N, C-alpha and C. Protein backbone atom coordinates (compact mmCIF):
# COMPACT_ATOMS: atom_id res chain seq x y z
N UNK A 1 -13.50 -6.45 -8.51
CA UNK A 1 -12.95 -5.79 -7.33
C UNK A 1 -13.00 -6.75 -6.14
N UNK A 2 -11.91 -6.80 -5.41
CA UNK A 2 -11.89 -7.61 -4.19
C UNK A 2 -12.57 -6.86 -3.05
N UNK A 3 -12.47 -5.52 -3.08
CA UNK A 3 -13.00 -4.69 -2.01
C UNK A 3 -13.73 -3.49 -2.62
N UNK A 4 -14.90 -3.18 -2.10
CA UNK A 4 -15.57 -1.96 -2.52
C UNK A 4 -15.38 -0.89 -1.43
N UNK A 5 -15.74 0.32 -1.76
CA UNK A 5 -15.51 1.43 -0.82
C UNK A 5 -16.32 1.25 0.46
N UNK A 6 -17.49 0.67 0.36
CA UNK A 6 -18.31 0.45 1.55
C UNK A 6 -17.58 -0.45 2.55
N UNK A 7 -16.99 -1.54 2.06
CA UNK A 7 -16.24 -2.42 2.96
C UNK A 7 -15.05 -1.67 3.56
N UNK A 8 -14.34 -0.92 2.72
CA UNK A 8 -13.18 -0.15 3.19
C UNK A 8 -13.59 0.78 4.33
N UNK A 9 -14.67 1.53 4.13
CA UNK A 9 -15.08 2.52 5.12
C UNK A 9 -15.67 1.90 6.38
N UNK A 10 -16.47 0.85 6.22
CA UNK A 10 -17.15 0.29 7.40
C UNK A 10 -16.50 -0.98 7.94
N UNK A 11 -16.10 -1.89 7.07
CA UNK A 11 -15.54 -3.16 7.52
C UNK A 11 -14.08 -3.08 7.92
N UNK A 12 -13.31 -2.28 7.22
CA UNK A 12 -11.87 -2.17 7.50
C UNK A 12 -11.57 -1.03 8.47
N UNK A 13 -12.06 0.15 8.18
CA UNK A 13 -11.75 1.32 9.00
C UNK A 13 -12.53 1.37 10.30
N UNK A 14 -13.70 0.75 10.33
CA UNK A 14 -14.53 0.69 11.54
C UNK A 14 -14.74 2.06 12.16
N UNK A 15 -15.10 3.03 11.32
CA UNK A 15 -15.41 4.35 11.82
C UNK A 15 -14.28 5.36 11.78
N UNK A 16 -13.06 4.92 11.51
CA UNK A 16 -11.95 5.88 11.39
C UNK A 16 -12.07 6.64 10.09
N UNK A 17 -11.38 7.75 9.98
CA UNK A 17 -11.43 8.57 8.76
C UNK A 17 -10.68 7.88 7.63
N UNK A 18 -11.27 7.85 6.44
CA UNK A 18 -10.60 7.21 5.30
C UNK A 18 -9.38 8.00 4.85
N UNK A 19 -8.32 7.28 4.52
CA UNK A 19 -7.11 7.89 3.98
C UNK A 19 -7.24 8.06 2.47
N UNK A 20 -8.07 7.25 1.86
CA UNK A 20 -8.25 7.27 0.41
C UNK A 20 -9.65 7.79 0.09
N UNK A 21 -9.75 8.87 -0.68
CA UNK A 21 -11.08 9.38 -1.03
C UNK A 21 -11.85 8.38 -1.89
N UNK A 22 -13.16 8.43 -1.80
CA UNK A 22 -14.01 7.49 -2.53
C UNK A 22 -13.77 7.55 -4.03
N UNK A 23 -13.53 8.74 -4.56
CA UNK A 23 -13.32 8.88 -6.01
C UNK A 23 -12.01 8.25 -6.46
N UNK A 24 -11.03 8.20 -5.58
CA UNK A 24 -9.72 7.65 -5.91
C UNK A 24 -9.63 6.15 -5.61
N UNK A 25 -10.53 5.65 -4.79
CA UNK A 25 -10.43 4.29 -4.28
C UNK A 25 -10.39 3.21 -5.36
N UNK A 26 -11.26 3.23 -6.38
CA UNK A 26 -11.24 2.13 -7.36
C UNK A 26 -9.88 1.95 -8.04
N UNK A 27 -9.24 3.05 -8.40
CA UNK A 27 -7.93 2.95 -9.07
C UNK A 27 -6.89 2.32 -8.15
N UNK A 28 -6.80 2.81 -6.93
CA UNK A 28 -5.76 2.32 -6.01
C UNK A 28 -6.08 0.92 -5.51
N UNK A 29 -7.36 0.57 -5.41
CA UNK A 29 -7.73 -0.80 -5.03
C UNK A 29 -7.28 -1.75 -6.12
N UNK A 30 -7.43 -1.34 -7.38
CA UNK A 30 -7.00 -2.18 -8.50
C UNK A 30 -5.47 -2.38 -8.47
N UNK A 31 -4.74 -1.33 -8.14
CA UNK A 31 -3.28 -1.45 -8.03
C UNK A 31 -2.90 -2.41 -6.90
N UNK A 32 -3.62 -2.33 -5.80
CA UNK A 32 -3.37 -3.23 -4.68
C UNK A 32 -3.67 -4.68 -5.06
N UNK A 33 -4.76 -4.88 -5.81
CA UNK A 33 -5.09 -6.22 -6.31
C UNK A 33 -3.94 -6.79 -7.13
N UNK A 34 -3.39 -5.98 -8.02
CA UNK A 34 -2.30 -6.45 -8.87
C UNK A 34 -1.09 -6.85 -8.04
N UNK A 35 -0.76 -6.06 -7.03
CA UNK A 35 0.37 -6.40 -6.16
C UNK A 35 0.09 -7.70 -5.41
N UNK A 36 -1.13 -7.87 -4.95
CA UNK A 36 -1.49 -9.08 -4.23
C UNK A 36 -1.52 -10.29 -5.15
N UNK A 37 -2.05 -10.13 -6.36
CA UNK A 37 -2.09 -11.25 -7.31
C UNK A 37 -0.69 -11.72 -7.67
N UNK A 38 0.24 -10.80 -7.74
CA UNK A 38 1.62 -11.19 -8.04
C UNK A 38 2.19 -12.07 -6.93
N UNK A 39 1.89 -11.74 -5.69
CA UNK A 39 2.41 -12.51 -4.54
C UNK A 39 1.67 -13.82 -4.31
N UNK A 40 0.40 -13.88 -4.75
CA UNK A 40 -0.40 -15.10 -4.51
C UNK A 40 -0.50 -15.97 -5.75
N UNK A 41 0.29 -15.65 -6.77
CA UNK A 41 0.31 -16.44 -8.00
C UNK A 41 -1.07 -16.50 -8.64
N UNK A 42 -1.81 -15.41 -8.53
CA UNK A 42 -3.16 -15.24 -9.11
C UNK A 42 -4.18 -16.27 -8.61
N UNK A 43 -3.95 -16.83 -7.46
CA UNK A 43 -4.91 -17.79 -6.91
C UNK A 43 -6.26 -17.14 -6.62
N UNK A 44 -6.25 -15.87 -6.23
CA UNK A 44 -7.50 -15.18 -5.91
C UNK A 44 -8.32 -14.92 -7.16
N UNK A 45 -7.65 -14.71 -8.29
CA UNK A 45 -8.34 -14.53 -9.56
C UNK A 45 -8.99 -15.84 -9.98
N UNK A 46 -8.29 -16.93 -9.77
CA UNK A 46 -8.78 -18.25 -10.19
C UNK A 46 -9.92 -18.76 -9.32
N UNK A 47 -9.94 -18.37 -8.04
CA UNK A 47 -10.96 -18.88 -7.12
C UNK A 47 -11.42 -17.77 -6.20
N UNK A 48 -12.54 -17.16 -6.53
CA UNK A 48 -13.08 -16.03 -5.75
C UNK A 48 -13.48 -16.44 -4.34
N UNK A 49 -13.65 -17.74 -4.09
CA UNK A 49 -13.99 -18.21 -2.75
C UNK A 49 -12.84 -18.00 -1.76
N UNK A 50 -11.64 -17.74 -2.28
CA UNK A 50 -10.49 -17.50 -1.41
C UNK A 50 -10.44 -16.07 -0.89
N UNK A 51 -11.31 -15.20 -1.40
CA UNK A 51 -11.31 -13.79 -0.99
C UNK A 51 -12.10 -13.67 0.32
N UNK A 52 -11.38 -13.74 1.41
CA UNK A 52 -11.95 -13.65 2.76
C UNK A 52 -11.79 -12.22 3.28
N UNK A 53 -12.31 -11.98 4.47
CA UNK A 53 -12.11 -10.66 5.09
C UNK A 53 -10.64 -10.39 5.34
N UNK A 54 -9.86 -11.42 5.60
CA UNK A 54 -8.42 -11.27 5.78
C UNK A 54 -7.79 -10.73 4.49
N UNK A 55 -8.18 -11.26 3.36
CA UNK A 55 -7.70 -10.79 2.05
C UNK A 55 -8.19 -9.37 1.81
N UNK A 56 -9.45 -9.10 2.11
CA UNK A 56 -10.00 -7.76 1.91
C UNK A 56 -9.26 -6.72 2.76
N UNK A 57 -8.99 -7.06 4.01
CA UNK A 57 -8.26 -6.14 4.89
C UNK A 57 -6.85 -5.88 4.35
N UNK A 58 -6.23 -6.91 3.82
CA UNK A 58 -4.90 -6.78 3.21
C UNK A 58 -4.97 -5.82 2.03
N UNK A 59 -5.96 -5.98 1.19
CA UNK A 59 -6.13 -5.11 0.02
C UNK A 59 -6.37 -3.67 0.48
N UNK A 60 -7.16 -3.48 1.52
CA UNK A 60 -7.42 -2.13 2.03
C UNK A 60 -6.13 -1.46 2.51
N UNK A 61 -5.33 -2.18 3.26
CA UNK A 61 -4.09 -1.59 3.75
C UNK A 61 -3.12 -1.32 2.61
N UNK A 62 -3.04 -2.22 1.66
CA UNK A 62 -2.19 -1.99 0.48
C UNK A 62 -2.69 -0.78 -0.32
N UNK A 63 -4.00 -0.64 -0.45
CA UNK A 63 -4.57 0.50 -1.16
C UNK A 63 -4.15 1.80 -0.50
N UNK A 64 -4.24 1.86 0.82
CA UNK A 64 -3.81 3.07 1.53
C UNK A 64 -2.33 3.34 1.33
N UNK A 65 -1.51 2.31 1.42
CA UNK A 65 -0.08 2.47 1.22
C UNK A 65 0.23 3.05 -0.15
N UNK A 66 -0.33 2.46 -1.18
CA UNK A 66 -0.05 2.89 -2.55
C UNK A 66 -0.55 4.31 -2.79
N UNK A 67 -1.72 4.63 -2.27
CA UNK A 67 -2.27 5.98 -2.42
C UNK A 67 -1.38 7.01 -1.73
N UNK A 68 -1.02 6.74 -0.48
CA UNK A 68 -0.22 7.70 0.28
C UNK A 68 1.18 7.85 -0.30
N UNK A 69 1.76 6.77 -0.78
CA UNK A 69 3.08 6.85 -1.39
C UNK A 69 3.04 7.70 -2.66
N UNK A 70 1.98 7.53 -3.45
CA UNK A 70 1.85 8.32 -4.67
C UNK A 70 1.66 9.79 -4.36
N UNK A 71 0.82 10.11 -3.40
CA UNK A 71 0.58 11.51 -3.03
C UNK A 71 1.85 12.15 -2.50
N UNK A 72 2.62 11.41 -1.74
CA UNK A 72 3.88 11.93 -1.23
C UNK A 72 4.88 12.17 -2.35
N UNK A 73 4.94 11.26 -3.31
CA UNK A 73 5.85 11.41 -4.45
C UNK A 73 5.44 12.61 -5.30
N UNK A 74 4.14 12.81 -5.49
CA UNK A 74 3.67 13.97 -6.25
C UNK A 74 4.03 15.27 -5.55
N UNK A 75 3.85 15.30 -4.26
CA UNK A 75 4.17 16.50 -3.48
C UNK A 75 5.67 16.80 -3.55
N UNK A 76 6.49 15.77 -3.43
CA UNK A 76 7.94 15.96 -3.51
C UNK A 76 8.33 16.47 -4.89
N UNK A 77 7.70 15.95 -5.94
CA UNK A 77 8.01 16.39 -7.30
C UNK A 77 7.63 17.85 -7.50
N UNK A 78 6.49 18.26 -6.95
CA UNK A 78 6.06 19.64 -7.05
C UNK A 78 7.02 20.60 -6.35
N UNK A 79 7.66 20.10 -5.30
CA UNK A 79 8.58 20.93 -4.52
C UNK A 79 10.01 20.82 -5.04
N UNK A 80 10.20 20.15 -6.14
CA UNK A 80 11.53 20.04 -6.72
C UNK A 80 12.31 18.84 -6.22
N UNK A 81 11.67 17.90 -5.57
CA UNK A 81 12.33 16.70 -5.09
C UNK A 81 12.39 16.67 -3.58
N UNK A 82 12.82 15.53 -3.05
CA UNK A 82 12.93 15.34 -1.61
C UNK A 82 14.26 15.91 -1.14
N UNK A 83 14.22 16.68 -0.08
CA UNK A 83 15.43 17.30 0.46
C UNK A 83 16.39 16.22 0.94
N UNK A 84 17.56 16.19 0.37
CA UNK A 84 18.58 15.20 0.74
C UNK A 84 19.54 15.76 1.79
N UNK A 85 19.88 17.05 1.69
CA UNK A 85 20.76 17.67 2.67
C UNK A 85 20.57 19.17 2.64
N UNK A 86 21.03 19.82 3.70
CA UNK A 86 20.95 21.28 3.73
C UNK A 86 22.10 21.83 4.57
N UNK A 87 22.69 22.94 4.18
CA UNK A 87 23.65 23.64 5.01
C UNK A 87 23.00 24.94 5.53
N UNK A 88 23.37 25.33 6.77
CA UNK A 88 22.82 26.56 7.33
C UNK A 88 23.77 27.09 8.39
N UNK A 89 24.54 28.11 8.05
CA UNK A 89 25.46 28.76 9.00
C UNK A 89 26.27 27.76 9.81
N UNK A 90 26.92 26.86 9.15
CA UNK A 90 27.77 25.89 9.83
C UNK A 90 27.06 24.62 10.24
N UNK A 91 25.74 24.61 10.21
CA UNK A 91 24.99 23.39 10.51
C UNK A 91 24.59 22.75 9.19
N UNK A 92 24.48 21.45 9.21
CA UNK A 92 24.01 20.76 8.03
C UNK A 92 23.23 19.52 8.45
N UNK A 93 22.46 19.02 7.56
CA UNK A 93 21.69 17.82 7.85
C UNK A 93 21.32 17.10 6.58
N UNK A 94 21.02 15.84 6.72
CA UNK A 94 20.63 15.00 5.58
C UNK A 94 19.48 14.12 6.03
N UNK A 95 18.50 13.95 5.17
CA UNK A 95 17.40 13.03 5.44
C UNK A 95 17.75 11.68 4.85
N UNK A 96 17.68 10.63 5.68
CA UNK A 96 17.93 9.27 5.21
C UNK A 96 16.60 8.68 4.76
N UNK A 97 16.44 8.55 3.46
CA UNK A 97 15.20 8.02 2.91
C UNK A 97 15.27 6.52 2.62
N UNK A 98 16.35 5.88 3.00
CA UNK A 98 16.51 4.47 2.64
C UNK A 98 15.44 3.58 3.27
N UNK A 99 14.88 3.97 4.41
CA UNK A 99 13.85 3.17 5.06
C UNK A 99 12.45 3.71 4.82
N UNK A 100 12.32 4.76 4.03
CA UNK A 100 11.04 5.40 3.81
C UNK A 100 10.13 4.55 2.93
N UNK A 101 8.85 4.52 3.27
CA UNK A 101 7.89 3.79 2.43
C UNK A 101 7.57 4.58 1.18
N UNK A 102 8.09 5.79 1.07
CA UNK A 102 7.78 6.63 -0.07
C UNK A 102 8.82 6.54 -1.17
N UNK A 103 9.83 5.71 -0.99
CA UNK A 103 10.72 5.37 -2.09
C UNK A 103 10.17 4.10 -2.72
N UNK A 104 10.53 3.82 -3.96
CA UNK A 104 10.02 2.61 -4.62
C UNK A 104 10.43 1.35 -3.85
N UNK A 105 11.69 1.30 -3.42
CA UNK A 105 12.16 0.14 -2.67
C UNK A 105 11.45 0.02 -1.32
N UNK A 106 11.29 1.15 -0.65
CA UNK A 106 10.61 1.15 0.64
C UNK A 106 9.15 0.76 0.52
N UNK A 107 8.51 1.23 -0.54
CA UNK A 107 7.10 0.89 -0.79
C UNK A 107 6.95 -0.61 -1.03
N UNK A 108 7.84 -1.18 -1.83
CA UNK A 108 7.78 -2.62 -2.11
C UNK A 108 8.01 -3.43 -0.83
N UNK A 109 8.95 -2.98 0.00
CA UNK A 109 9.23 -3.68 1.25
C UNK A 109 8.02 -3.63 2.18
N UNK A 110 7.41 -2.47 2.30
CA UNK A 110 6.23 -2.32 3.16
C UNK A 110 5.07 -3.15 2.62
N UNK A 111 4.89 -3.18 1.31
CA UNK A 111 3.83 -3.99 0.71
C UNK A 111 4.03 -5.47 1.05
N UNK A 112 5.27 -5.95 0.94
CA UNK A 112 5.56 -7.35 1.30
C UNK A 112 5.23 -7.61 2.77
N UNK A 113 5.59 -6.68 3.64
CA UNK A 113 5.29 -6.83 5.07
C UNK A 113 3.78 -6.94 5.31
N UNK A 114 3.02 -6.09 4.65
CA UNK A 114 1.57 -6.11 4.80
C UNK A 114 1.01 -7.44 4.33
N UNK A 115 1.42 -7.88 3.16
CA UNK A 115 0.91 -9.13 2.59
C UNK A 115 1.26 -10.31 3.48
N UNK A 116 2.48 -10.36 3.97
CA UNK A 116 2.88 -11.49 4.82
C UNK A 116 2.18 -11.43 6.18
N UNK A 117 1.91 -10.24 6.69
CA UNK A 117 1.22 -10.13 7.98
C UNK A 117 -0.20 -10.69 7.87
N UNK A 118 -0.88 -10.38 6.79
CA UNK A 118 -2.26 -10.84 6.62
C UNK A 118 -2.35 -12.27 6.09
N UNK A 119 -1.47 -12.64 5.17
CA UNK A 119 -1.65 -13.90 4.45
C UNK A 119 -0.53 -14.91 4.65
N UNK A 120 0.40 -14.62 5.51
CA UNK A 120 1.56 -15.48 5.70
C UNK A 120 1.24 -16.91 6.09
N UNK A 121 0.15 -17.11 6.81
CA UNK A 121 -0.18 -18.47 7.27
C UNK A 121 -1.42 -19.03 6.57
N UNK A 122 -1.75 -18.50 5.39
CA UNK A 122 -2.97 -18.97 4.70
C UNK A 122 -2.68 -19.97 3.58
N UNK A 123 -1.44 -20.10 3.17
CA UNK A 123 -1.11 -20.97 2.04
C UNK A 123 -1.21 -20.26 0.70
N UNK A 124 -1.75 -19.05 0.68
CA UNK A 124 -1.88 -18.30 -0.58
C UNK A 124 -0.53 -17.84 -1.14
N UNK A 125 0.46 -17.75 -0.28
CA UNK A 125 1.78 -17.27 -0.73
C UNK A 125 2.73 -18.40 -1.10
N UNK A 126 2.28 -19.63 -0.93
CA UNK A 126 3.11 -20.80 -1.23
C UNK A 126 3.24 -20.97 -2.74
N UNK A 127 4.48 -21.08 -3.21
CA UNK A 127 4.70 -21.15 -4.66
C UNK A 127 4.64 -22.56 -5.21
N UNK A 128 4.55 -23.56 -4.37
CA UNK A 128 4.56 -24.93 -4.84
C UNK A 128 3.26 -25.49 -5.29
């Protein structure tokens, strides 16, 4: 594990309320690790000395993103899907989900933004 729940709660959140419950944290942290390893060409796996607080904070934010996106997708599935449009006595509306972090494409885009914000200038994302 790159991050344990204690670091998430005290080092990353600094007293704020956790978005990810302690029982769920190990699974979602592992998913965040996999996303990060893909972008860093597994450099963090090869050299644990590269796991700094900057990397840990990145993993924490990715963990929250993945957890919240999954919970939102589960809720939408339980409700029969995400409302795309509605008519009501001559009024109608549509929700544009193209920029939502809760779509697979939106989640991937937000994950890239998080990774580049934390690690963009560290050399970990360089493919050469």
